[in-house]
PDB file of N, CA and C in Angstrom:
ATOM      1  N   MET A   1      55.353 119.533 103.029  1.00  0.00           N
ATOM      2  CA  MET A   1      55.875 118.177 102.962  1.00  0.00           C
ATOM      3  C   MET A   1      57.398 118.232 102.949  1.00  0.00           C
ATOM      4  N   THR A   2      58.029 117.301 103.690  1.00  0.00           N
ATOM      5  CA  THR A   2      59.487 117.185 103.644  1.00  0.00           C
ATOM      6  C   THR A   2      59.851 115.847 103.008  1.00  0.00           C
ATOM      7  N   VAL A   3      61.040 115.790 102.423  1.00  0.00           N
ATOM      8  CA  VAL A   3      61.519 114.553 101.801  1.00  0.00           C
ATOM      9  C   VAL A   3      62.390 113.794 102.796  1.00  0.00           C
ATOM     10  N   PRO A   4      62.502 112.475 102.630  1.00  0.00           N
ATOM     11  CA  PRO A   4      63.356 111.697 103.522  1.00  0.00           C
ATOM     12  C   PRO A   4      64.816 112.150 103.436  1.00  0.00           C
ATOM     13  N   GLN A   5      65.520 112.070 104.567  1.00  0.00           N
ATOM     14  CA  GLN A   5      66.938 112.418 104.639  1.00  0.00           C
ATOM     15  C   GLN A   5      67.727 111.196 105.083  1.00  0.00           C
ATOM     16  N   VAL A   6      68.838 110.938 104.406  1.00  0.00           N
ATOM     17  CA  VAL A   6      69.696 109.813 104.783  1.00  0.00           C
ATOM     18  C   VAL A   6      70.391 110.151 106.101  1.00  0.00           C
ATOM     19  N   ILE A   7      70.325 109.222 107.071  1.00  0.00           N
ATOM     20  CA  ILE A   7      71.022 109.443 108.341  1.00  0.00           C
ATOM     21  C   ILE A   7      72.088 108.374 108.595  1.00  0.00           C
ATOM     22  N   PHE A   8      72.062 107.273 107.836  1.00  0.00           N
ATOM     23  CA  PHE A   8      73.073 106.222 107.953  1.00  0.00           C
ATOM     24  C   PHE A   8      73.199 105.554 106.594  1.00  0.00           C
ATOM     25  N   ASN A   9      74.386 105.629 105.985  1.00  0.00           N
ATOM     26  CA  ASN A   9      74.548 105.044 104.651  1.00  0.00           C
ATOM     27  C   ASN A   9      75.937 104.417 104.467  1.00  0.00           C
ATOM     28  N   PRO A  10      76.079 103.160 104.921  1.00  0.00           N
ATOM     29  CA  PRO A  10      77.356 102.479 104.729  1.00  0.00           C
ATOM     30  C   PRO A  10      77.669 102.309 103.244  1.00  0.00           C
ATOM     31  N   GLU A  11      78.960 102.320 102.936  1.00  0.00           N
ATOM     32  CA  GLU A  11      79.420 102.202 101.547  1.00  0.00           C
ATOM     33  C   GLU A  11      79.080 100.830 100.969  1.00  0.00           C
ATOM     34  N   PRO A  12      78.752 100.779  99.677  1.00  0.00           N
ATOM     35  CA  PRO A  12      78.520  99.480  99.032  1.00  0.00           C
ATOM     36  C   PRO A  12      79.851  98.781  98.779  1.00  0.00           C
ATOM     37  N   SER A  13      79.809  97.474  98.687  1.00  0.00           N
ATOM     38  CA  SER A  13      81.017  96.724  98.326  1.00  0.00           C
ATOM     39  C   SER A  13      80.999  96.475  96.823  1.00  0.00           C
ATOM     40  N   PHE A  14      82.177  96.227  96.256  1.00  0.00           N
ATOM     41  CA  PHE A  14      82.302  95.921  94.839  1.00  0.00           C
ATOM     42  C   PHE A  14      82.093  94.435  94.612  1.00  0.00           C
ATOM     43  N   SER A  15      81.517  94.085  93.477  1.00  0.00           N
ATOM     44  CA  SER A  15      81.468  92.673  93.089  1.00  0.00           C
ATOM     45  C   SER A  15      82.849  92.302  92.543  1.00  0.00           C
ATOM     46  N   ASP A  16      83.203  91.024  92.617  1.00  0.00           N
ATOM     47  CA  ASP A  16      84.506  90.578  92.101  1.00  0.00           C
ATOM     48  C   ASP A  16      84.633  90.883  90.615  1.00  0.00           C
ATOM     49  N   GLU A  17      83.541  90.646  89.885  1.00  0.00           N
ATOM     50  CA  GLU A  17      83.534  90.888  88.442  1.00  0.00           C
ATOM     51  C   GLU A  17      83.817  92.355  88.119  1.00  0.00           C
ATOM     52  N   ALA A  18      83.188  93.263  88.846  1.00  0.00           N
ATOM     53  CA  ALA A  18      83.375  94.694  88.601  1.00  0.00           C
ATOM     54  C   ALA A  18      84.781  95.137  88.986  1.00  0.00           C
ATOM     55  N   ARG A  19      85.316  94.564  90.074  1.00  0.00           N
ATOM     56  CA  ARG A  19      86.665  94.926  90.506  1.00  0.00           C
ATOM     57  C   ARG A  19      87.696  94.499  89.451  1.00  0.00           C
ATOM     58  N   LYS A  20      87.532  93.272  88.929  1.00  0.00           N
ATOM     59  CA  LYS A  20      88.460  92.769  87.896  1.00  0.00           C
ATOM     60  C   LYS A  20      88.391  93.615  86.633  1.00  0.00           C
ATOM     61  N   ALA A  21      87.186  94.073  86.286  1.00  0.00           N
ATOM     62  CA  ALA A  21      86.998  94.882  85.083  1.00  0.00           C
ATOM     63  C   ALA A  21      87.281  96.358  85.338  1.00  0.00           C
ATOM     64  N   LYS A  22      87.598  96.710  86.598  1.00  0.00           N
ATOM     65  CA  LYS A  22      87.836  98.100  86.995  1.00  0.00           C
ATOM     66  C   LYS A  22      86.644  98.996  86.630  1.00  0.00           C
ATOM     67  N   ALA A  23      85.445  98.446  86.813  1.00  0.00           N
ATOM     68  CA  ALA A  23      84.221  99.186  86.485  1.00  0.00           C
ATOM     69  C   ALA A  23      83.930 100.230  87.553  1.00  0.00           C
ATOM     70  N   GLN A  24      83.480 101.395  87.126  1.00  0.00           N
ATOM     71  CA  GLN A  24      83.073 102.465  88.029  1.00  0.00           C
ATOM     72  C   GLN A  24      81.811 103.107  87.473  1.00  0.00           C
ATOM     73  N   GLY A  25      81.114 103.823  88.330  1.00  0.00           N
ATOM     74  CA  GLY A  25      79.920 104.520  87.878  1.00  0.00           C
ATOM     75  C   GLY A  25      78.884 104.594  88.970  1.00  0.00           C
ATOM     76  N   SER A  26      77.632 104.826  88.563  1.00  0.00           N
ATOM     77  CA  SER A  26      76.542 105.003  89.523  1.00  0.00           C
ATOM     78  C   SER A  26      75.354 104.127  89.152  1.00  0.00           C
ATOM     79  N   VAL A  27      74.681 103.645  90.184  1.00  0.00           N
ATOM     80  CA  VAL A  27      73.425 102.921  90.031  1.00  0.00           C
ATOM     81  C   VAL A  27      72.348 103.827  90.619  1.00  0.00           C
ATOM     82  N   LEU A  28      71.259 104.018  89.880  1.00  0.00           N
ATOM     83  CA  LEU A  28      70.141 104.817  90.378  1.00  0.00           C
ATOM     84  C   LEU A  28      69.053 103.857  90.840  1.00  0.00           C
ATOM     85  N   LEU A  29      68.664 103.995  92.104  1.00  0.00           N
ATOM     86  CA  LEU A  29      67.636 103.133  92.663  1.00  0.00           C
ATOM     87  C   LEU A  29      66.399 103.949  93.021  1.00  0.00           C
ATOM     88  N   LEU A  30      65.241 103.354  92.811  1.00  0.00           N
ATOM     89  CA  LEU A  30      63.976 103.949  93.246  1.00  0.00           C
ATOM     90  C   LEU A  30      63.593 103.230  94.530  1.00  0.00           C
ATOM     91  N   VAL A  31      63.411 103.984  95.595  1.00  0.00           N
ATOM     92  CA  VAL A  31      63.237 103.431  96.933  1.00  0.00           C
ATOM     93  C   VAL A  31      62.020 104.054  97.598  1.00  0.00           C
ATOM     94  N   VAL A  32      61.222 103.234  98.251  1.00  0.00           N
ATOM     95  CA  VAL A  32      60.161 103.747  99.104  1.00  0.00           C
ATOM     96  C   VAL A  32      60.719 103.778 100.523  1.00  0.00           C
ATOM     97  N   VAL A  33      60.760 104.965 101.110  1.00  0.00           N
ATOM     98  CA  VAL A  33      61.185 105.109 102.505  1.00  0.00           C
ATOM     99  C   VAL A  33      59.929 105.094 103.360  1.00  0.00           C
ATOM    100  N   GLY A  34      59.844 104.091 104.220  1.00  0.00           N
ATOM    101  CA  GLY A  34      58.663 103.930 105.061  1.00  0.00           C
ATOM    102  C   GLY A  34      58.601 104.947 106.185  1.00  0.00           C
ATOM    103  N   LYS A  35      57.478 104.955 106.874  1.00  0.00           N
ATOM    104  CA  LYS A  35      57.291 105.851 108.017  1.00  0.00           C
ATOM    105  C   LYS A  35      58.318 105.591 109.108  1.00  0.00           C
ATOM    106  N   ASP A  36      58.878 104.363 109.118  1.00  0.00           N
ATOM    107  CA  ASP A  36      59.870 103.985 110.125  1.00  0.00           C
ATOM    108  C   ASP A  36      61.306 104.328 109.712  1.00  0.00           C
ATOM    109  N   GLY A  37      61.477 104.906 108.510  1.00  0.00           N
ATOM    110  CA  GLY A  37      62.815 105.278 108.051  1.00  0.00           C
ATOM    111  C   GLY A  37      63.578 104.148 107.382  1.00  0.00           C
ATOM    112  N   HIS A  38      62.945 102.994 107.227  1.00  0.00           N
ATOM    113  CA  HIS A  38      63.580 101.863 106.552  1.00  0.00           C
ATOM    114  C   HIS A  38      63.224 101.880 105.070  1.00  0.00           C
ATOM    115  N   PRO A  39      64.153 101.432 104.215  1.00  0.00           N
ATOM    116  CA  PRO A  39      63.866 101.370 102.782  1.00  0.00           C
ATOM    117  C   PRO A  39      63.056 100.121 102.429  1.00  0.00           C
ATOM    118  N   TYR A  40      62.128 100.274 101.511  1.00  0.00           N
ATOM    119  CA  TYR A  40      61.286  99.180 101.026  1.00  0.00           C
ATOM    120  C   TYR A  40      61.168  99.286  99.513  1.00  0.00           C
ATOM    121  N   ASP A  41      60.757  98.186  98.882  1.00  0.00           N
ATOM    122  CA  ASP A  41      60.375  98.211  97.463  1.00  0.00           C
ATOM    123  C   ASP A  41      61.455  98.877  96.610  1.00  0.00           C
ATOM    124  N   ILE A  42      62.670  98.347  96.665  1.00  0.00           N
ATOM    125  CA  ILE A  42      63.810  98.926  95.946  1.00  0.00           C
ATOM    126  C   ILE A  42      63.860  98.372  94.531  1.00  0.00           C
ATOM    127  N   HIS A  43      63.908  99.275  93.548  1.00  0.00           N
ATOM    128  CA  HIS A  43      63.994  98.892  92.136  1.00  0.00           C
ATOM    129  C   HIS A  43      65.127  99.661  91.467  1.00  0.00           C
ATOM    130  N   VAL A  44      65.759  99.014  90.491  1.00  0.00           N
ATOM    131  CA  VAL A  44      66.837  99.664  89.751  1.00  0.00           C
ATOM    132  C   VAL A  44      66.236 100.582  88.690  1.00  0.00           C
ATOM    133  N   GLY A  45      66.617 101.861  88.736  1.00  0.00           N
ATOM    134  CA  GLY A  45      66.176 102.832  87.732  1.00  0.00           C
ATOM    135  C   GLY A  45      67.201 102.976  86.627  1.00  0.00           C
ATOM    136  N   GLN A  46      68.480 102.889  86.990  1.00  0.00           N
ATOM    137  CA  GLN A  46      69.567 102.974  86.016  1.00  0.00           C
ATOM    138  C   GLN A  46      70.619 101.951  86.428  1.00  0.00           C
ATOM    139  N   SER A  47      70.844 100.989  85.550  1.00  0.00           N
ATOM    140  CA  SER A  47      71.706  99.855  85.857  1.00  0.00           C
ATOM    141  C   SER A  47      73.160 100.122  85.491  1.00  0.00           C
ATOM    142  N   LEU A  48      74.057  99.477  86.226  1.00  0.00           N
ATOM    143  CA  LEU A  48      75.486  99.535  85.921  1.00  0.00           C
ATOM    144  C   LEU A  48      75.996  98.159  85.503  1.00  0.00           C
ATOM    145  N   GLY A  49      75.301  97.099  85.927  1.00  0.00           N
ATOM    146  CA  GLY A  49      75.686  95.741  85.552  1.00  0.00           C
ATOM    147  C   GLY A  49      76.837  95.190  86.371  1.00  0.00           C
ATOM    148  N   MET A  50      77.347  94.047  85.963  1.00  0.00           N
ATOM    149  CA  MET A  50      78.491  93.367  86.579  1.00  0.00           C
ATOM    150  C   MET A  50      78.313  93.120  88.073  1.00  0.00           C
ATOM    151  N   GLY A  51      77.074  92.912  88.498  1.00  0.00           N
ATOM    152  CA  GLY A  51      76.813  92.627  89.897  1.00  0.00           C
ATOM    153  C   GLY A  51      76.700  93.858  90.777  1.00  0.00           C
ATOM    154  N   LEU A  52      76.944  95.041  90.208  1.00  0.00           N
ATOM    155  CA  LEU A  52      76.922  96.259  91.027  1.00  0.00           C
ATOM    156  C   LEU A  52      75.497  96.689  91.389  1.00  0.00           C
ATOM    157  N   ASP A  53      74.538  96.367  90.533  1.00  0.00           N
ATOM    158  CA  ASP A  53      73.141  96.695  90.868  1.00  0.00           C
ATOM    159  C   ASP A  53      72.741  95.986  92.156  1.00  0.00           C
ATOM    160  N   GLU A  54      73.087  94.689  92.244  1.00  0.00           N
ATOM    161  CA  GLU A  54      72.761  93.903  93.433  1.00  0.00           C
ATOM    162  C   GLU A  54      73.494  94.434  94.662  1.00  0.00           C
ATOM    163  N   LYS A  55      74.758  94.834  94.482  1.00  0.00           N
ATOM    164  CA  LYS A  55      75.541  95.380  95.598  1.00  0.00           C
ATOM    165  C   LYS A  55      74.948  96.705  96.069  1.00  0.00           C
ATOM    166  N   ALA A  56      74.434  97.507  95.135  1.00  0.00           N
ATOM    167  CA  ALA A  56      73.794  98.777  95.499  1.00  0.00           C
ATOM    168  C   ALA A  56      72.523  98.510  96.305  1.00  0.00           C
ATOM    169  N   ILE A  57      71.733  97.533  95.875  1.00  0.00           N
ATOM    170  CA  ILE A  57      70.502  97.195  96.599  1.00  0.00           C
ATOM    171  C   ILE A  57      70.837  96.691  98.002  1.00  0.00           C
ATOM    172  N   GLU A  58      71.865  95.826  98.113  1.00  0.00           N
ATOM    173  CA  GLU A  58      72.285  95.329  99.435  1.00  0.00           C
ATOM    174  C   GLU A  58      72.660  96.498 100.354  1.00  0.00           C
ATOM    175  N   ALA A  59      73.419  97.456  99.816  1.00  0.00           N
ATOM    176  CA  ALA A  59      73.861  98.593 100.629  1.00  0.00           C
ATOM    177  C   ALA A  59      72.672  99.441 101.075  1.00  0.00           C
ATOM    178  N   VAL A  60      71.782  99.777 100.145  1.00  0.00           N
ATOM    179  CA  VAL A  60      70.650 100.653 100.475  1.00  0.00           C
ATOM    180  C   VAL A  60      69.690  99.961 101.447  1.00  0.00           C
ATOM    181  N   ASN A  61      69.627  98.635 101.410  1.00  0.00           N
ATOM    182  CA  ASN A  61      68.809  97.909 102.394  1.00  0.00           C
ATOM    183  C   ASN A  61      69.290  98.150 103.817  1.00  0.00           C
ATOM    184  N   ARG A  62      70.574  98.501 103.983  1.00  0.00           N
ATOM    185  CA  ARG A  62      71.136  98.787 105.318  1.00  0.00           C
ATOM    186  C   ARG A  62      71.036 100.270 105.684  1.00  0.00           C
ATOM    187  N   TRP A  63      70.700 101.111 104.706  1.00  0.00           N
ATOM    188  CA  TRP A  63      70.599 102.548 104.978  1.00  0.00           C
ATOM    189  C   TRP A  63      69.407 102.824 105.891  1.00  0.00           C
ATOM    190  N   ARG A  64      69.509 103.943 106.608  1.00  0.00           N
ATOM    191  CA  ARG A  64      68.392 104.415 107.418  1.00  0.00           C
ATOM    192  C   ARG A  64      68.145 105.878 107.082  1.00  0.00           C
ATOM    193  N   PHE A  65      66.885 106.256 107.148  1.00  0.00           N
ATOM    194  CA  PHE A  65      66.459 107.597 106.754  1.00  0.00           C
ATOM    195  C   PHE A  65      65.656 108.250 107.865  1.00  0.00           C
ATOM    196  N   ARG A  66      65.644 109.574 107.857  1.00  0.00           N
ATOM    197  CA  ARG A  66      64.644 110.331 108.604  1.00  0.00           C
ATOM    198  C   ARG A  66      63.473 110.407 107.630  1.00  0.00           C
ATOM    199  N   PRO A  67      62.318 109.844 107.976  1.00  0.00           N
ATOM    200  CA  PRO A  67      61.228 109.763 106.993  1.00  0.00           C
ATOM    201  C   PRO A  67      60.708 111.124 106.563  1.00  0.00           C
ATOM    202  N   GLY A  68      60.119 111.129 105.379  1.00  0.00           N
ATOM    203  CA  GLY A  68      59.446 112.335 104.913  1.00  0.00           C
ATOM    204  C   GLY A  68      58.226 112.595 105.777  1.00  0.00           C
ATOM    205  N   THR A  69      57.801 113.843 105.822  1.00  0.00           N
ATOM    206  CA  THR A  69      56.627 114.170 106.637  1.00  0.00           C
ATOM    207  C   THR A  69      55.612 114.955 105.807  1.00  0.00           C
ATOM    208  N   LEU A  70      54.373 114.831 106.211  1.00  0.00           N
ATOM    209  CA  LEU A  70      53.280 115.603 105.639  1.00  0.00           C
ATOM    210  C   LEU A  70      52.461 116.099 106.824  1.00  0.00           C
ATOM    211  N   ASN A  71      52.339 117.412 106.946  1.00  0.00           N
ATOM    212  CA  ASN A  71      51.641 118.022 108.094  1.00  0.00           C
ATOM    213  C   ASN A  71      52.230 117.550 109.427  1.00  0.00           C
ATOM    214  N   GLY A  72      53.563 117.392 109.438  1.00  0.00           N
ATOM    215  CA  GLY A  72      54.240 117.013 110.664  1.00  0.00           C
ATOM    216  C   GLY A  72      54.210 115.531 111.002  1.00  0.00           C
ATOM    217  N   GLN A  73      53.537 114.733 110.193  1.00  0.00           N
ATOM    218  CA  GLN A  73      53.432 113.290 110.437  1.00  0.00           C
ATOM    219  C   GLN A  73      54.303 112.527 109.432  1.00  0.00           C
ATOM    220  N   PRO A  74      55.024 111.480 109.891  1.00  0.00           N
ATOM    221  CA  PRO A  74      55.830 110.695 108.958  1.00  0.00           C
ATOM    222  C   PRO A  74      54.952 109.981 107.931  1.00  0.00           C
ATOM    223  N   VAL A  75      55.420 109.966 106.686  1.00  0.00           N
ATOM    224  CA  VAL A  75      54.700 109.296 105.599  1.00  0.00           C
ATOM    225  C   VAL A  75      55.689 108.506 104.757  1.00  0.00           C
ATOM    226  N   ALA A  76      55.203 107.430 104.137  1.00  0.00           N
ATOM    227  CA  ALA A  76      56.015 106.681 103.184  1.00  0.00           C
ATOM    228  C   ALA A  76      56.176 107.538 101.930  1.00  0.00           C
ATOM    229  N   THR A  77      57.395 107.591 101.410  1.00  0.00           N
ATOM    230  CA  THR A  77      57.703 108.457 100.274  1.00  0.00           C
ATOM    231  C   THR A  77      58.641 107.730  99.324  1.00  0.00           C
ATOM    232  N   GLN A  78      58.373 107.809  98.019  1.00  0.00           N
ATOM    233  CA  GLN A  78      59.305 107.226  97.054  1.00  0.00           C
ATOM    234  C   GLN A  78      60.329 108.269  96.649  1.00  0.00           C
ATOM    235  N   ILE A  79      61.600 107.871  96.666  1.00  0.00           N
ATOM    236  CA  ILE A  79      62.678 108.761  96.264  1.00  0.00           C
ATOM    237  C   ILE A  79      63.631 108.014  95.343  1.00  0.00           C
ATOM    238  N   ALA A  80      64.458 108.768  94.646  1.00  0.00           N
ATOM    239  CA  ALA A  80      65.537 108.195  93.838  1.00  0.00           C
ATOM    240  C   ALA A  80      66.830 108.350  94.631  1.00  0.00           C
ATOM    241  N   VAL A  81      67.620 107.283  94.667  1.00  0.00           N
ATOM    242  CA  VAL A  81      68.877 107.277  95.399  1.00  0.00           C
ATOM    243  C   VAL A  81      69.997 106.879  94.437  1.00  0.00           C
ATOM    244  N   GLN A  82      71.058 107.647  94.410  1.00  0.00           N
ATOM    245  CA  GLN A  82      72.214 107.330  93.571  1.00  0.00           C
ATOM    246  C   GLN A  82      73.290 106.678  94.429  1.00  0.00           C
ATOM    247  N   VAL A  83      73.749 105.499  93.994  1.00  0.00           N
ATOM    248  CA  VAL A  83      74.815 104.791  94.701  1.00  0.00           C
ATOM    249  C   VAL A  83      76.038 104.803  93.788  1.00  0.00           C
ATOM    250  N   ASP A  84      77.119 105.406  94.269  1.00  0.00           N
ATOM    251  CA  ASP A  84      78.333 105.557  93.458  1.00  0.00           C
ATOM    252  C   ASP A  84      79.335 104.470  93.758  1.00  0.00           C
ATOM    253  N   PHE A  85      79.971 103.971  92.702  1.00  0.00           N
ATOM    254  CA  PHE A  85      81.038 102.978  92.822  1.00  0.00           C
ATOM    255  C   PHE A  85      82.301 103.563  92.208  1.00  0.00           C
ATOM    256  N   HIS A  86      83.327 103.738  93.045  1.00  0.00           N
ATOM    257  CA  HIS A  86      84.595 104.292  92.565  1.00  0.00           C
ATOM    258  C   HIS A  86      85.741 103.468  93.119  1.00  0.00           C
ATOM    259  N   LEU A  87      86.683 103.138  92.260  1.00  0.00           N
ATOM    260  CA  LEU A  87      87.907 102.472  92.696  1.00  0.00           C
ATOM    261  C   LEU A  87      88.916 103.567  93.029  1.00  0.00           C
ATOM    262  N   TYR A  88      89.611 103.417  94.140  1.00  0.00           N
ATOM    263  CA  TYR A  88      90.557 104.456  94.542  1.00  0.00           C
ATOM    264  C   TYR A  88      91.974 104.003  94.312  1.00  0.00           C
TER     265      TYR A  88
END
């Protein structure tokens, strides 16, 4: 069995509230990667708050994956994805 691999992952945007508070950190999301490489059923595993959880979900909804495989066939697989928020 192989695990899904990220092939397209645009950066998340900051919420206004988080930018004003200079908040940084990571949101952990639990994601089902479908046989088509699209993310489904996204849930927050570790929250950061201040609107960043929602921004992380929005970003991961745009991500694309090479799906996991079992015996050479694509399968839906649940994975944990970390989305980092850093002010530069």
